[in-house]
Amino acid sequence: EHPDCYGQGTRSIWTDPETYRRALRF
């Protein structure tokens, strides 16, 4: 939800997380 102490951790490894939703539904 908020970056770690090095400013990292703000992204999903799915560059477009919405494609995960579509794949999950598939």
PDB file of all heavy atoms in Angstrom:
ATOM      1  N   GLU A   1       0.839  -1.212   0.000  1.00  0.00           N
ATOM      2  CA  GLU A   1       0.000   0.000   0.000  1.00  0.00           C
ATOM      3  C   GLU A   1       0.868   1.254   0.000  1.00  0.00           C
ATOM      4  O   GLU A   1       0.523   2.271  -0.602  1.00  0.00           O
ATOM      5  CB  GLU A   1      -0.917   0.006   1.232  1.00  0.00           C
ATOM      6  CG  GLU A   1      -1.998  -1.057   1.215  1.00  0.00           C
ATOM      7  CD  GLU A   1      -3.132  -0.734   0.260  1.00  0.00           C
ATOM      8  OE1 GLU A   1      -3.093   0.348  -0.373  1.00  0.00           O
ATOM      9  OE2 GLU A   1      -4.047  -1.560   0.138  1.00  0.00           O
ATOM     10  N   HIS A   2       2.002   1.168   0.687  1.00  0.00           N
ATOM     11  CA  HIS A   2       2.940   2.292   0.758  1.00  0.00           C
ATOM     12  C   HIS A   2       4.341   1.747   0.538  1.00  0.00           C
ATOM     13  O   HIS A   2       4.633   0.604   0.896  1.00  0.00           O
ATOM     14  CB  HIS A   2       2.849   2.996   2.114  1.00  0.00           C
ATOM     15  CG  HIS A   2       1.463   3.425   2.486  1.00  0.00           C
ATOM     16  ND1 HIS A   2       0.829   4.468   1.863  1.00  0.00           N
ATOM     17  CD2 HIS A   2       0.589   2.920   3.389  1.00  0.00           C
ATOM     18  CE1 HIS A   2      -0.383   4.609   2.377  1.00  0.00           C
ATOM     19  NE2 HIS A   2      -0.559   3.674   3.302  1.00  0.00           N
ATOM     20  N   PRO A   3       5.250   2.526  -0.053  1.00  0.00           N
ATOM     21  CA  PRO A   3       6.583   2.021  -0.358  1.00  0.00           C
ATOM     22  C   PRO A   3       7.307   1.497   0.875  1.00  0.00           C
ATOM     23  O   PRO A   3       7.032   1.920   2.011  1.00  0.00           O
ATOM     24  CB  PRO A   3       7.299   3.247  -0.938  1.00  0.00           C
ATOM     25  CG  PRO A   3       6.215   4.168  -1.366  1.00  0.00           C
ATOM     26  CD  PRO A   3       5.071   3.933  -0.437  1.00  0.00           C
ATOM     27  N   ASP A   4       8.261   0.584   0.647  1.00  0.00           N
ATOM     28  CA  ASP A   4       9.093   0.140   1.760  1.00  0.00           C
ATOM     29  C   ASP A   4      10.127   1.225   2.066  1.00  0.00           C
ATOM     30  O   ASP A   4      10.106   2.317   1.476  1.00  0.00           O
ATOM     31  CB  ASP A   4       9.734  -1.220   1.456  1.00  0.00           C
ATOM     32  CG  ASP A   4      10.730  -1.186   0.304  1.00  0.00           C
ATOM     33  OD1 ASP A   4      11.187  -0.088  -0.087  1.00  0.00           O
ATOM     34  OD2 ASP A   4      11.074  -2.265  -0.211  1.00  0.00           O
ATOM     35  N   CYS A   5      11.041   0.938   2.972  1.00  0.00           N
ATOM     36  CA  CYS A   5      11.974   1.981   3.423  1.00  0.00           C
ATOM     37  C   CYS A   5      12.930   2.430   2.325  1.00  0.00           C
ATOM     38  O   CYS A   5      13.573   3.475   2.458  1.00  0.00           O
ATOM     39  CB  CYS A   5      12.739   1.512   4.649  1.00  0.00           C
ATOM     40  SG  CYS A   5      13.979   0.249   4.313  1.00  0.00           S
ATOM     41  N   TYR A   6      13.021   1.659   1.231  1.00  0.00           N
ATOM     42  CA  TYR A   6      13.879   2.042   0.113  1.00  0.00           C
ATOM     43  C   TYR A   6      13.070   2.640  -1.043  1.00  0.00           C
ATOM     44  O   TYR A   6      13.598   2.837  -2.141  1.00  0.00           O
ATOM     45  CB  TYR A   6      14.664   0.822  -0.389  1.00  0.00           C
ATOM     46  CG  TYR A   6      15.567   0.220   0.661  1.00  0.00           C
ATOM     47  CD1 TYR A   6      15.296  -1.033   1.195  1.00  0.00           C
ATOM     48  CD2 TYR A   6      16.683   0.906   1.136  1.00  0.00           C
ATOM     49  CE1 TYR A   6      16.113  -1.600   2.173  1.00  0.00           C
ATOM     50  CE2 TYR A   6      17.503   0.359   2.116  1.00  0.00           C
ATOM     51  CZ  TYR A   6      17.211  -0.896   2.619  1.00  0.00           C
ATOM     52  OH  TYR A   6      18.035  -1.435   3.587  1.00  0.00           O
ATOM     53  N   GLY A   7      11.798   2.905  -0.792  1.00  0.00           N
ATOM     54  CA  GLY A   7      10.954   3.471  -1.833  1.00  0.00           C
ATOM     55  C   GLY A   7      10.464   2.455  -2.837  1.00  0.00           C
ATOM     56  O   GLY A   7       9.941   2.815  -3.894  1.00  0.00           O
ATOM     57  N   GLN A   8      10.589   1.161  -2.528  1.00  0.00           N
ATOM     58  CA  GLN A   8      10.201   0.105  -3.457  1.00  0.00           C
ATOM     59  C   GLN A   8       8.889  -0.547  -3.015  1.00  0.00           C
ATOM     60  O   GLN A   8       8.353  -0.262  -1.955  1.00  0.00           O
ATOM     61  CB  GLN A   8      11.312  -0.945  -3.546  1.00  0.00           C
ATOM     62  CG  GLN A   8      12.626  -0.396  -4.092  1.00  0.00           C
ATOM     63  CD  GLN A   8      13.737  -1.420  -4.086  1.00  0.00           C
ATOM     64  OE1 GLN A   8      13.849  -2.238  -3.194  1.00  0.00           O
ATOM     65  NE2 GLN A   8      14.587  -1.367  -5.115  1.00  0.00           N
ATOM     66  N   GLY A   9       8.379  -1.448  -3.879  1.00  0.00           N
ATOM     67  CA  GLY A   9       7.193  -2.224  -3.527  1.00  0.00           C
ATOM     68  C   GLY A   9       5.875  -1.564  -3.897  1.00  0.00           C
ATOM     69  O   GLY A   9       4.853  -1.848  -3.276  1.00  0.00           O
ATOM     70  N   THR A  10       5.868  -0.722  -4.909  1.00  0.00           N
ATOM     71  CA  THR A  10       4.638   0.018  -5.250  1.00  0.00           C
ATOM     72  C   THR A  10       3.928  -0.508  -6.491  1.00  0.00           C
ATOM     73  O   THR A  10       2.949   0.087  -6.924  1.00  0.00           O
ATOM     74  CB  THR A  10       4.973   1.505  -5.465  1.00  0.00           C
ATOM     75  OG1 THR A  10       5.937   1.617  -6.521  1.00  0.00           O
ATOM     76  CG2 THR A  10       5.535   2.120  -4.192  1.00  0.00           C
ATOM     77  N   ARG A  11       4.407  -1.630  -7.064  1.00  0.00           N
ATOM     78  CA  ARG A  11       3.822  -2.118  -8.311  1.00  0.00           C
ATOM     79  C   ARG A  11       3.563  -3.620  -8.238  1.00  0.00           C
ATOM     80  O   ARG A  11       4.254  -4.355  -7.545  1.00  0.00           O
ATOM     81  CB  ARG A  11       4.763  -1.843  -9.490  1.00  0.00           C
ATOM     82  CG  ARG A  11       5.028  -0.379  -9.744  1.00  0.00           C
ATOM     83  CD  ARG A  11       5.974  -0.201 -10.920  1.00  0.00           C
ATOM     84  NE  ARG A  11       7.288  -0.787 -10.647  1.00  0.00           N
ATOM     85  CZ  ARG A  11       8.308  -0.753 -11.497  1.00  0.00           C
ATOM     86  NH1 ARG A  11       8.164  -0.174 -12.676  1.00  0.00           N
ATOM     87  NH2 ARG A  11       9.465  -1.293 -11.188  1.00  0.00           N
ATOM     88  N   SER A  12       2.556  -4.047  -8.987  1.00  0.00           N
ATOM     89  CA  SER A  12       2.332  -5.470  -9.212  1.00  0.00           C
ATOM     90  C   SER A  12       3.316  -5.950 -10.271  1.00  0.00           C
ATOM     91  O   SER A  12       3.767  -5.164 -11.113  1.00  0.00           O
ATOM     92  CB  SER A  12       0.905  -5.706  -9.705  1.00  0.00           C
ATOM     93  OG  SER A  12       0.751  -7.018 -10.214  1.00  0.00           O
ATOM     94  N   ILE A  13       3.645  -7.247 -10.253  1.00  0.00           N
ATOM     95  CA  ILE A  13       4.493  -7.766 -11.331  1.00  0.00           C
ATOM     96  C   ILE A  13       3.688  -7.939 -12.614  1.00  0.00           C
ATOM     97  O   ILE A  13       4.264  -8.186 -13.670  1.00  0.00           O
ATOM     98  CB  ILE A  13       5.205  -9.076 -10.947  1.00  0.00           C
ATOM     99  CG1 ILE A  13       4.210 -10.190 -10.657  1.00  0.00           C
ATOM    100  CG2 ILE A  13       6.148  -8.863  -9.779  1.00  0.00           C
ATOM    101  CD1 ILE A  13       4.878 -11.536 -10.449  1.00  0.00           C
ATOM    102  N   TRP A  14       2.344  -7.845 -12.522  1.00  0.00           N
ATOM    103  CA  TRP A  14       1.512  -7.713 -13.726  1.00  0.00           C
ATOM    104  C   TRP A  14       1.541  -6.228 -14.086  1.00  0.00           C
ATOM    105  O   TRP A  14       0.944  -5.398 -13.388  1.00  0.00           O
ATOM    106  CB  TRP A  14       0.080  -8.168 -13.461  1.00  0.00           C
ATOM    107  CG  TRP A  14      -0.074  -9.660 -13.373  1.00  0.00           C
ATOM    108  CD1 TRP A  14       0.428 -10.468 -12.397  1.00  0.00           C
ATOM    109  CD2 TRP A  14      -0.751 -10.506 -14.300  1.00  0.00           C
ATOM    110  NE1 TRP A  14       0.102 -11.777 -12.655  1.00  0.00           N
ATOM    111  CE2 TRP A  14      -0.634 -11.839 -13.821  1.00  0.00           C
ATOM    112  CE3 TRP A  14      -1.458 -10.284 -15.477  1.00  0.00           C
ATOM    113  CZ2 TRP A  14      -1.183 -12.927 -14.474  1.00  0.00           C
ATOM    114  CZ3 TRP A  14      -2.019 -11.369 -16.137  1.00  0.00           C
ATOM    115  CH2 TRP A  14      -1.879 -12.681 -15.647  1.00  0.00           C
ATOM    116  N   THR A  15       2.245  -5.876 -15.141  1.00  0.00           N
ATOM    117  CA  THR A  15       2.394  -4.467 -15.513  1.00  0.00           C
ATOM    118  C   THR A  15       1.038  -3.777 -15.604  1.00  0.00           C
ATOM    119  O   THR A  15       0.869  -2.634 -15.186  1.00  0.00           O
ATOM    120  CB  THR A  15       3.155  -4.355 -16.848  1.00  0.00           C
ATOM    121  OG1 THR A  15       4.441  -4.984 -16.679  1.00  0.00           O
ATOM    122  CG2 THR A  15       3.342  -2.904 -17.237  1.00  0.00           C
ATOM    123  N   ASP A  16       0.042  -4.494 -16.126  1.00  0.00           N
ATOM    124  CA  ASP A  16      -1.339  -4.015 -16.119  1.00  0.00           C
ATOM    125  C   ASP A  16      -2.151  -4.971 -15.245  1.00  0.00           C
ATOM    126  O   ASP A  16      -2.583  -6.034 -15.712  1.00  0.00           O
ATOM    127  CB  ASP A  16      -1.910  -3.986 -17.535  1.00  0.00           C
ATOM    128  CG  ASP A  16      -3.387  -3.567 -17.557  1.00  0.00           C
ATOM    129  OD1 ASP A  16      -3.913  -3.190 -16.487  1.00  0.00           O
ATOM    130  OD2 ASP A  16      -3.999  -3.640 -18.636  1.00  0.00           O
ATOM    131  N   PRO A  17      -2.371  -4.647 -13.970  1.00  0.00           N
ATOM    132  CA  PRO A  17      -3.077  -5.566 -13.065  1.00  0.00           C
ATOM    133  C   PRO A  17      -4.480  -5.942 -13.528  1.00  0.00           C
ATOM    134  O   PRO A  17      -5.001  -6.987 -13.150  1.00  0.00           O
ATOM    135  CB  PRO A  17      -3.120  -4.789 -11.744  1.00  0.00           C
ATOM    136  CG  PRO A  17      -1.986  -3.839 -11.816  1.00  0.00           C
ATOM    137  CD  PRO A  17      -1.920  -3.444 -13.263  1.00  0.00           C
ATOM    138  N   GLU A  18      -5.089  -5.091 -14.365  1.00  0.00           N
ATOM    139  CA  GLU A  18      -6.438  -5.425 -14.833  1.00  0.00           C
ATOM    140  C   GLU A  18      -6.443  -6.684 -15.702  1.00  0.00           C
ATOM    141  O   GLU A  18      -7.447  -7.391 -15.793  1.00  0.00           O
ATOM    142  CB  GLU A  18      -7.042  -4.245 -15.597  1.00  0.00           C
ATOM    143  CG  GLU A  18      -7.404  -3.071 -14.700  1.00  0.00           C
ATOM    144  CD  GLU A  18      -8.342  -3.469 -13.571  1.00  0.00           C
ATOM    145  OE1 GLU A  18      -9.356  -4.160 -13.841  1.00  0.00           O
ATOM    146  OE2 GLU A  18      -8.068  -3.113 -12.410  1.00  0.00           O
ATOM    147  N   THR A  19      -5.318  -6.987 -16.342  1.00  0.00           N
ATOM    148  CA  THR A  19      -5.259  -8.217 -17.125  1.00  0.00           C
ATOM    149  C   THR A  19      -5.293  -9.439 -16.204  1.00  0.00           C
ATOM    150  O   THR A  19      -5.723 -10.520 -16.622  1.00  0.00           O
ATOM    151  CB  THR A  19      -4.010  -8.251 -18.024  1.00  0.00           C
ATOM    152  OG1 THR A  19      -2.839  -8.203 -17.202  1.00  0.00           O
ATOM    153  CG2 THR A  19      -4.007  -7.094 -18.990  1.00  0.00           C
ATOM    154  N   TYR A  20      -4.819  -9.263 -14.967  1.00  0.00           N
ATOM    155  CA  TYR A  20      -4.952 -10.356 -13.981  1.00  0.00           C
ATOM    156  C   TYR A  20      -6.423 -10.628 -13.702  1.00  0.00           C
ATOM    157  O   TYR A  20      -6.843 -11.793 -13.660  1.00  0.00           O
ATOM    158  CB  TYR A  20      -4.228  -9.992 -12.681  1.00  0.00           C
ATOM    159  CG  TYR A  20      -4.637 -10.863 -11.515  1.00  0.00           C
ATOM    160  CD1 TYR A  20      -4.092 -12.128 -11.343  1.00  0.00           C
ATOM    161  CD2 TYR A  20      -5.602 -10.429 -10.601  1.00  0.00           C
ATOM    162  CE1 TYR A  20      -4.489 -12.945 -10.280  1.00  0.00           C
ATOM    163  CE2 TYR A  20      -6.003 -11.233  -9.547  1.00  0.00           C
ATOM    164  CZ  TYR A  20      -5.445 -12.490  -9.390  1.00  0.00           C
ATOM    165  OH  TYR A  20      -5.854 -13.294  -8.351  1.00  0.00           O
ATOM    166  N   ARG A  21      -7.207  -9.579 -13.509  1.00  0.00           N
ATOM    167  CA  ARG A  21      -8.650  -9.762 -13.247  1.00  0.00           C
ATOM    168  C   ARG A  21      -9.311 -10.547 -14.385  1.00  0.00           C
ATOM    169  O   ARG A  21     -10.105 -11.451 -14.144  1.00  0.00           O
ATOM    170  CB  ARG A  21      -9.343  -8.404 -13.116  1.00  0.00           C
ATOM    171  CG  ARG A  21      -9.059  -7.625 -11.848  1.00  0.00           C
ATOM    172  CD  ARG A  21      -9.950  -6.392 -11.841  1.00  0.00           C
ATOM    173  NE  ARG A  21      -9.610  -5.439 -10.817  1.00  0.00           N
ATOM    174  CZ  ARG A  21     -10.237  -5.349  -9.635  1.00  0.00           C
ATOM    175  NH1 ARG A  21     -11.209  -6.191  -9.349  1.00  0.00           N
ATOM    176  NH2 ARG A  21      -9.887  -4.417  -8.766  1.00  0.00           N
ATOM    177  N   ARG A  22      -8.959 -10.189 -15.615  1.00  0.00           N
ATOM    178  CA  ARG A  22      -9.564 -10.868 -16.755  1.00  0.00           C
ATOM    179  C   ARG A  22      -9.118 -12.330 -16.828  1.00  0.00           C
ATOM    180  O   ARG A  22      -9.921 -13.224 -17.137  1.00  0.00           O
ATOM    181  CB  ARG A  22      -9.216 -10.130 -18.054  1.00  0.00           C
ATOM    182  CG  ARG A  22      -9.873  -8.749 -18.156  1.00  0.00           C
ATOM    183  CD  ARG A  22      -9.791  -8.193 -19.563  1.00  0.00           C
ATOM    184  NE  ARG A  22      -8.433  -7.826 -19.941  1.00  0.00           N
ATOM    185  CZ  ARG A  22      -7.891  -6.633 -19.717  1.00  0.00           C
ATOM    186  NH1 ARG A  22      -8.592  -5.689 -19.084  1.00  0.00           N
ATOM    187  NH2 ARG A  22      -6.666  -6.359 -20.107  1.00  0.00           N
ATOM    188  N   ALA A  23      -7.854 -12.573 -16.526  1.00  0.00           N
ATOM    189  CA  ALA A  23      -7.356 -13.952 -16.539  1.00  0.00           C
ATOM    190  C   ALA A  23      -7.997 -14.774 -15.427  1.00  0.00           C
ATOM    191  O   ALA A  23      -8.346 -15.945 -15.624  1.00  0.00           O
ATOM    192  CB  ALA A  23      -5.839 -13.962 -16.401  1.00  0.00           C
ATOM    193  N   LEU A  24      -8.167 -14.169 -14.264  1.00  0.00           N
ATOM    194  CA  LEU A  24      -8.822 -14.855 -13.148  1.00  0.00           C
ATOM    195  C   LEU A  24     -10.237 -15.263 -13.544  1.00  0.00           C
ATOM    196  O   LEU A  24     -10.669 -16.401 -13.305  1.00  0.00           O
ATOM    197  CB  LEU A  24      -8.852 -13.937 -11.926  1.00  0.00           C
ATOM    198  CG  LEU A  24      -9.415 -14.543 -10.637  1.00  0.00           C
ATOM    199  CD1 LEU A  24      -8.413 -15.504 -10.013  1.00  0.00           C
ATOM    200  CD2 LEU A  24      -9.763 -13.434  -9.635  1.00  0.00           C
ATOM    201  N   ARG A  25     -10.961 -14.352 -14.160  1.00  0.00           N
ATOM    202  CA  ARG A  25     -12.333 -14.661 -14.596  1.00  0.00           C
ATOM    203  C   ARG A  25     -12.336 -15.760 -15.654  1.00  0.00           C
ATOM    204  O   ARG A  25     -13.205 -16.633 -15.651  1.00  0.00           O
ATOM    205  CB  ARG A  25     -13.008 -13.393 -15.126  1.00  0.00           C
ATOM    206  CG  ARG A  25     -14.431 -13.609 -15.653  1.00  0.00           C
ATOM    207  CD  ARG A  25     -15.108 -12.304 -15.994  1.00  0.00           C
ATOM    208  NE  ARG A  25     -15.435 -11.538 -14.796  1.00  0.00           N
ATOM    209  CZ  ARG A  25     -16.519 -11.722 -14.051  1.00  0.00           C
ATOM    210  NH1 ARG A  25     -17.404 -12.673 -14.386  1.00  0.00           N
ATOM    211  NH2 ARG A  25     -16.729 -10.985 -12.986  1.00  0.00           N
ATOM    212  N   PHE A  26     -11.369 -15.731 -16.567  1.00  0.00           N
ATOM    213  CA  PHE A  26     -11.283 -16.744 -17.625  1.00  0.00           C
ATOM    214  C   PHE A  26     -11.281 -18.141 -17.003  1.00  0.00           C
ATOM    215  O   PHE A  26     -12.019 -19.040 -17.452  1.00  0.00           O
ATOM    216  CB  PHE A  26     -10.006 -16.520 -18.439  1.00  0.00           C
ATOM    217  CG  PHE A  26      -9.747 -17.542 -19.506  1.00  0.00           C
ATOM    218  CD1 PHE A  26     -10.178 -17.338 -20.807  1.00  0.00           C
ATOM    219  CD2 PHE A  26      -9.054 -18.711 -19.213  1.00  0.00           C
ATOM    220  CE1 PHE A  26      -9.936 -18.285 -21.793  1.00  0.00           C
ATOM    221  CE2 PHE A  26      -8.812 -19.667 -20.192  1.00  0.00           C
ATOM    222  CZ  PHE A  26      -9.251 -19.452 -21.495  1.00  0.00           C
TER     223      PHE A  26
END
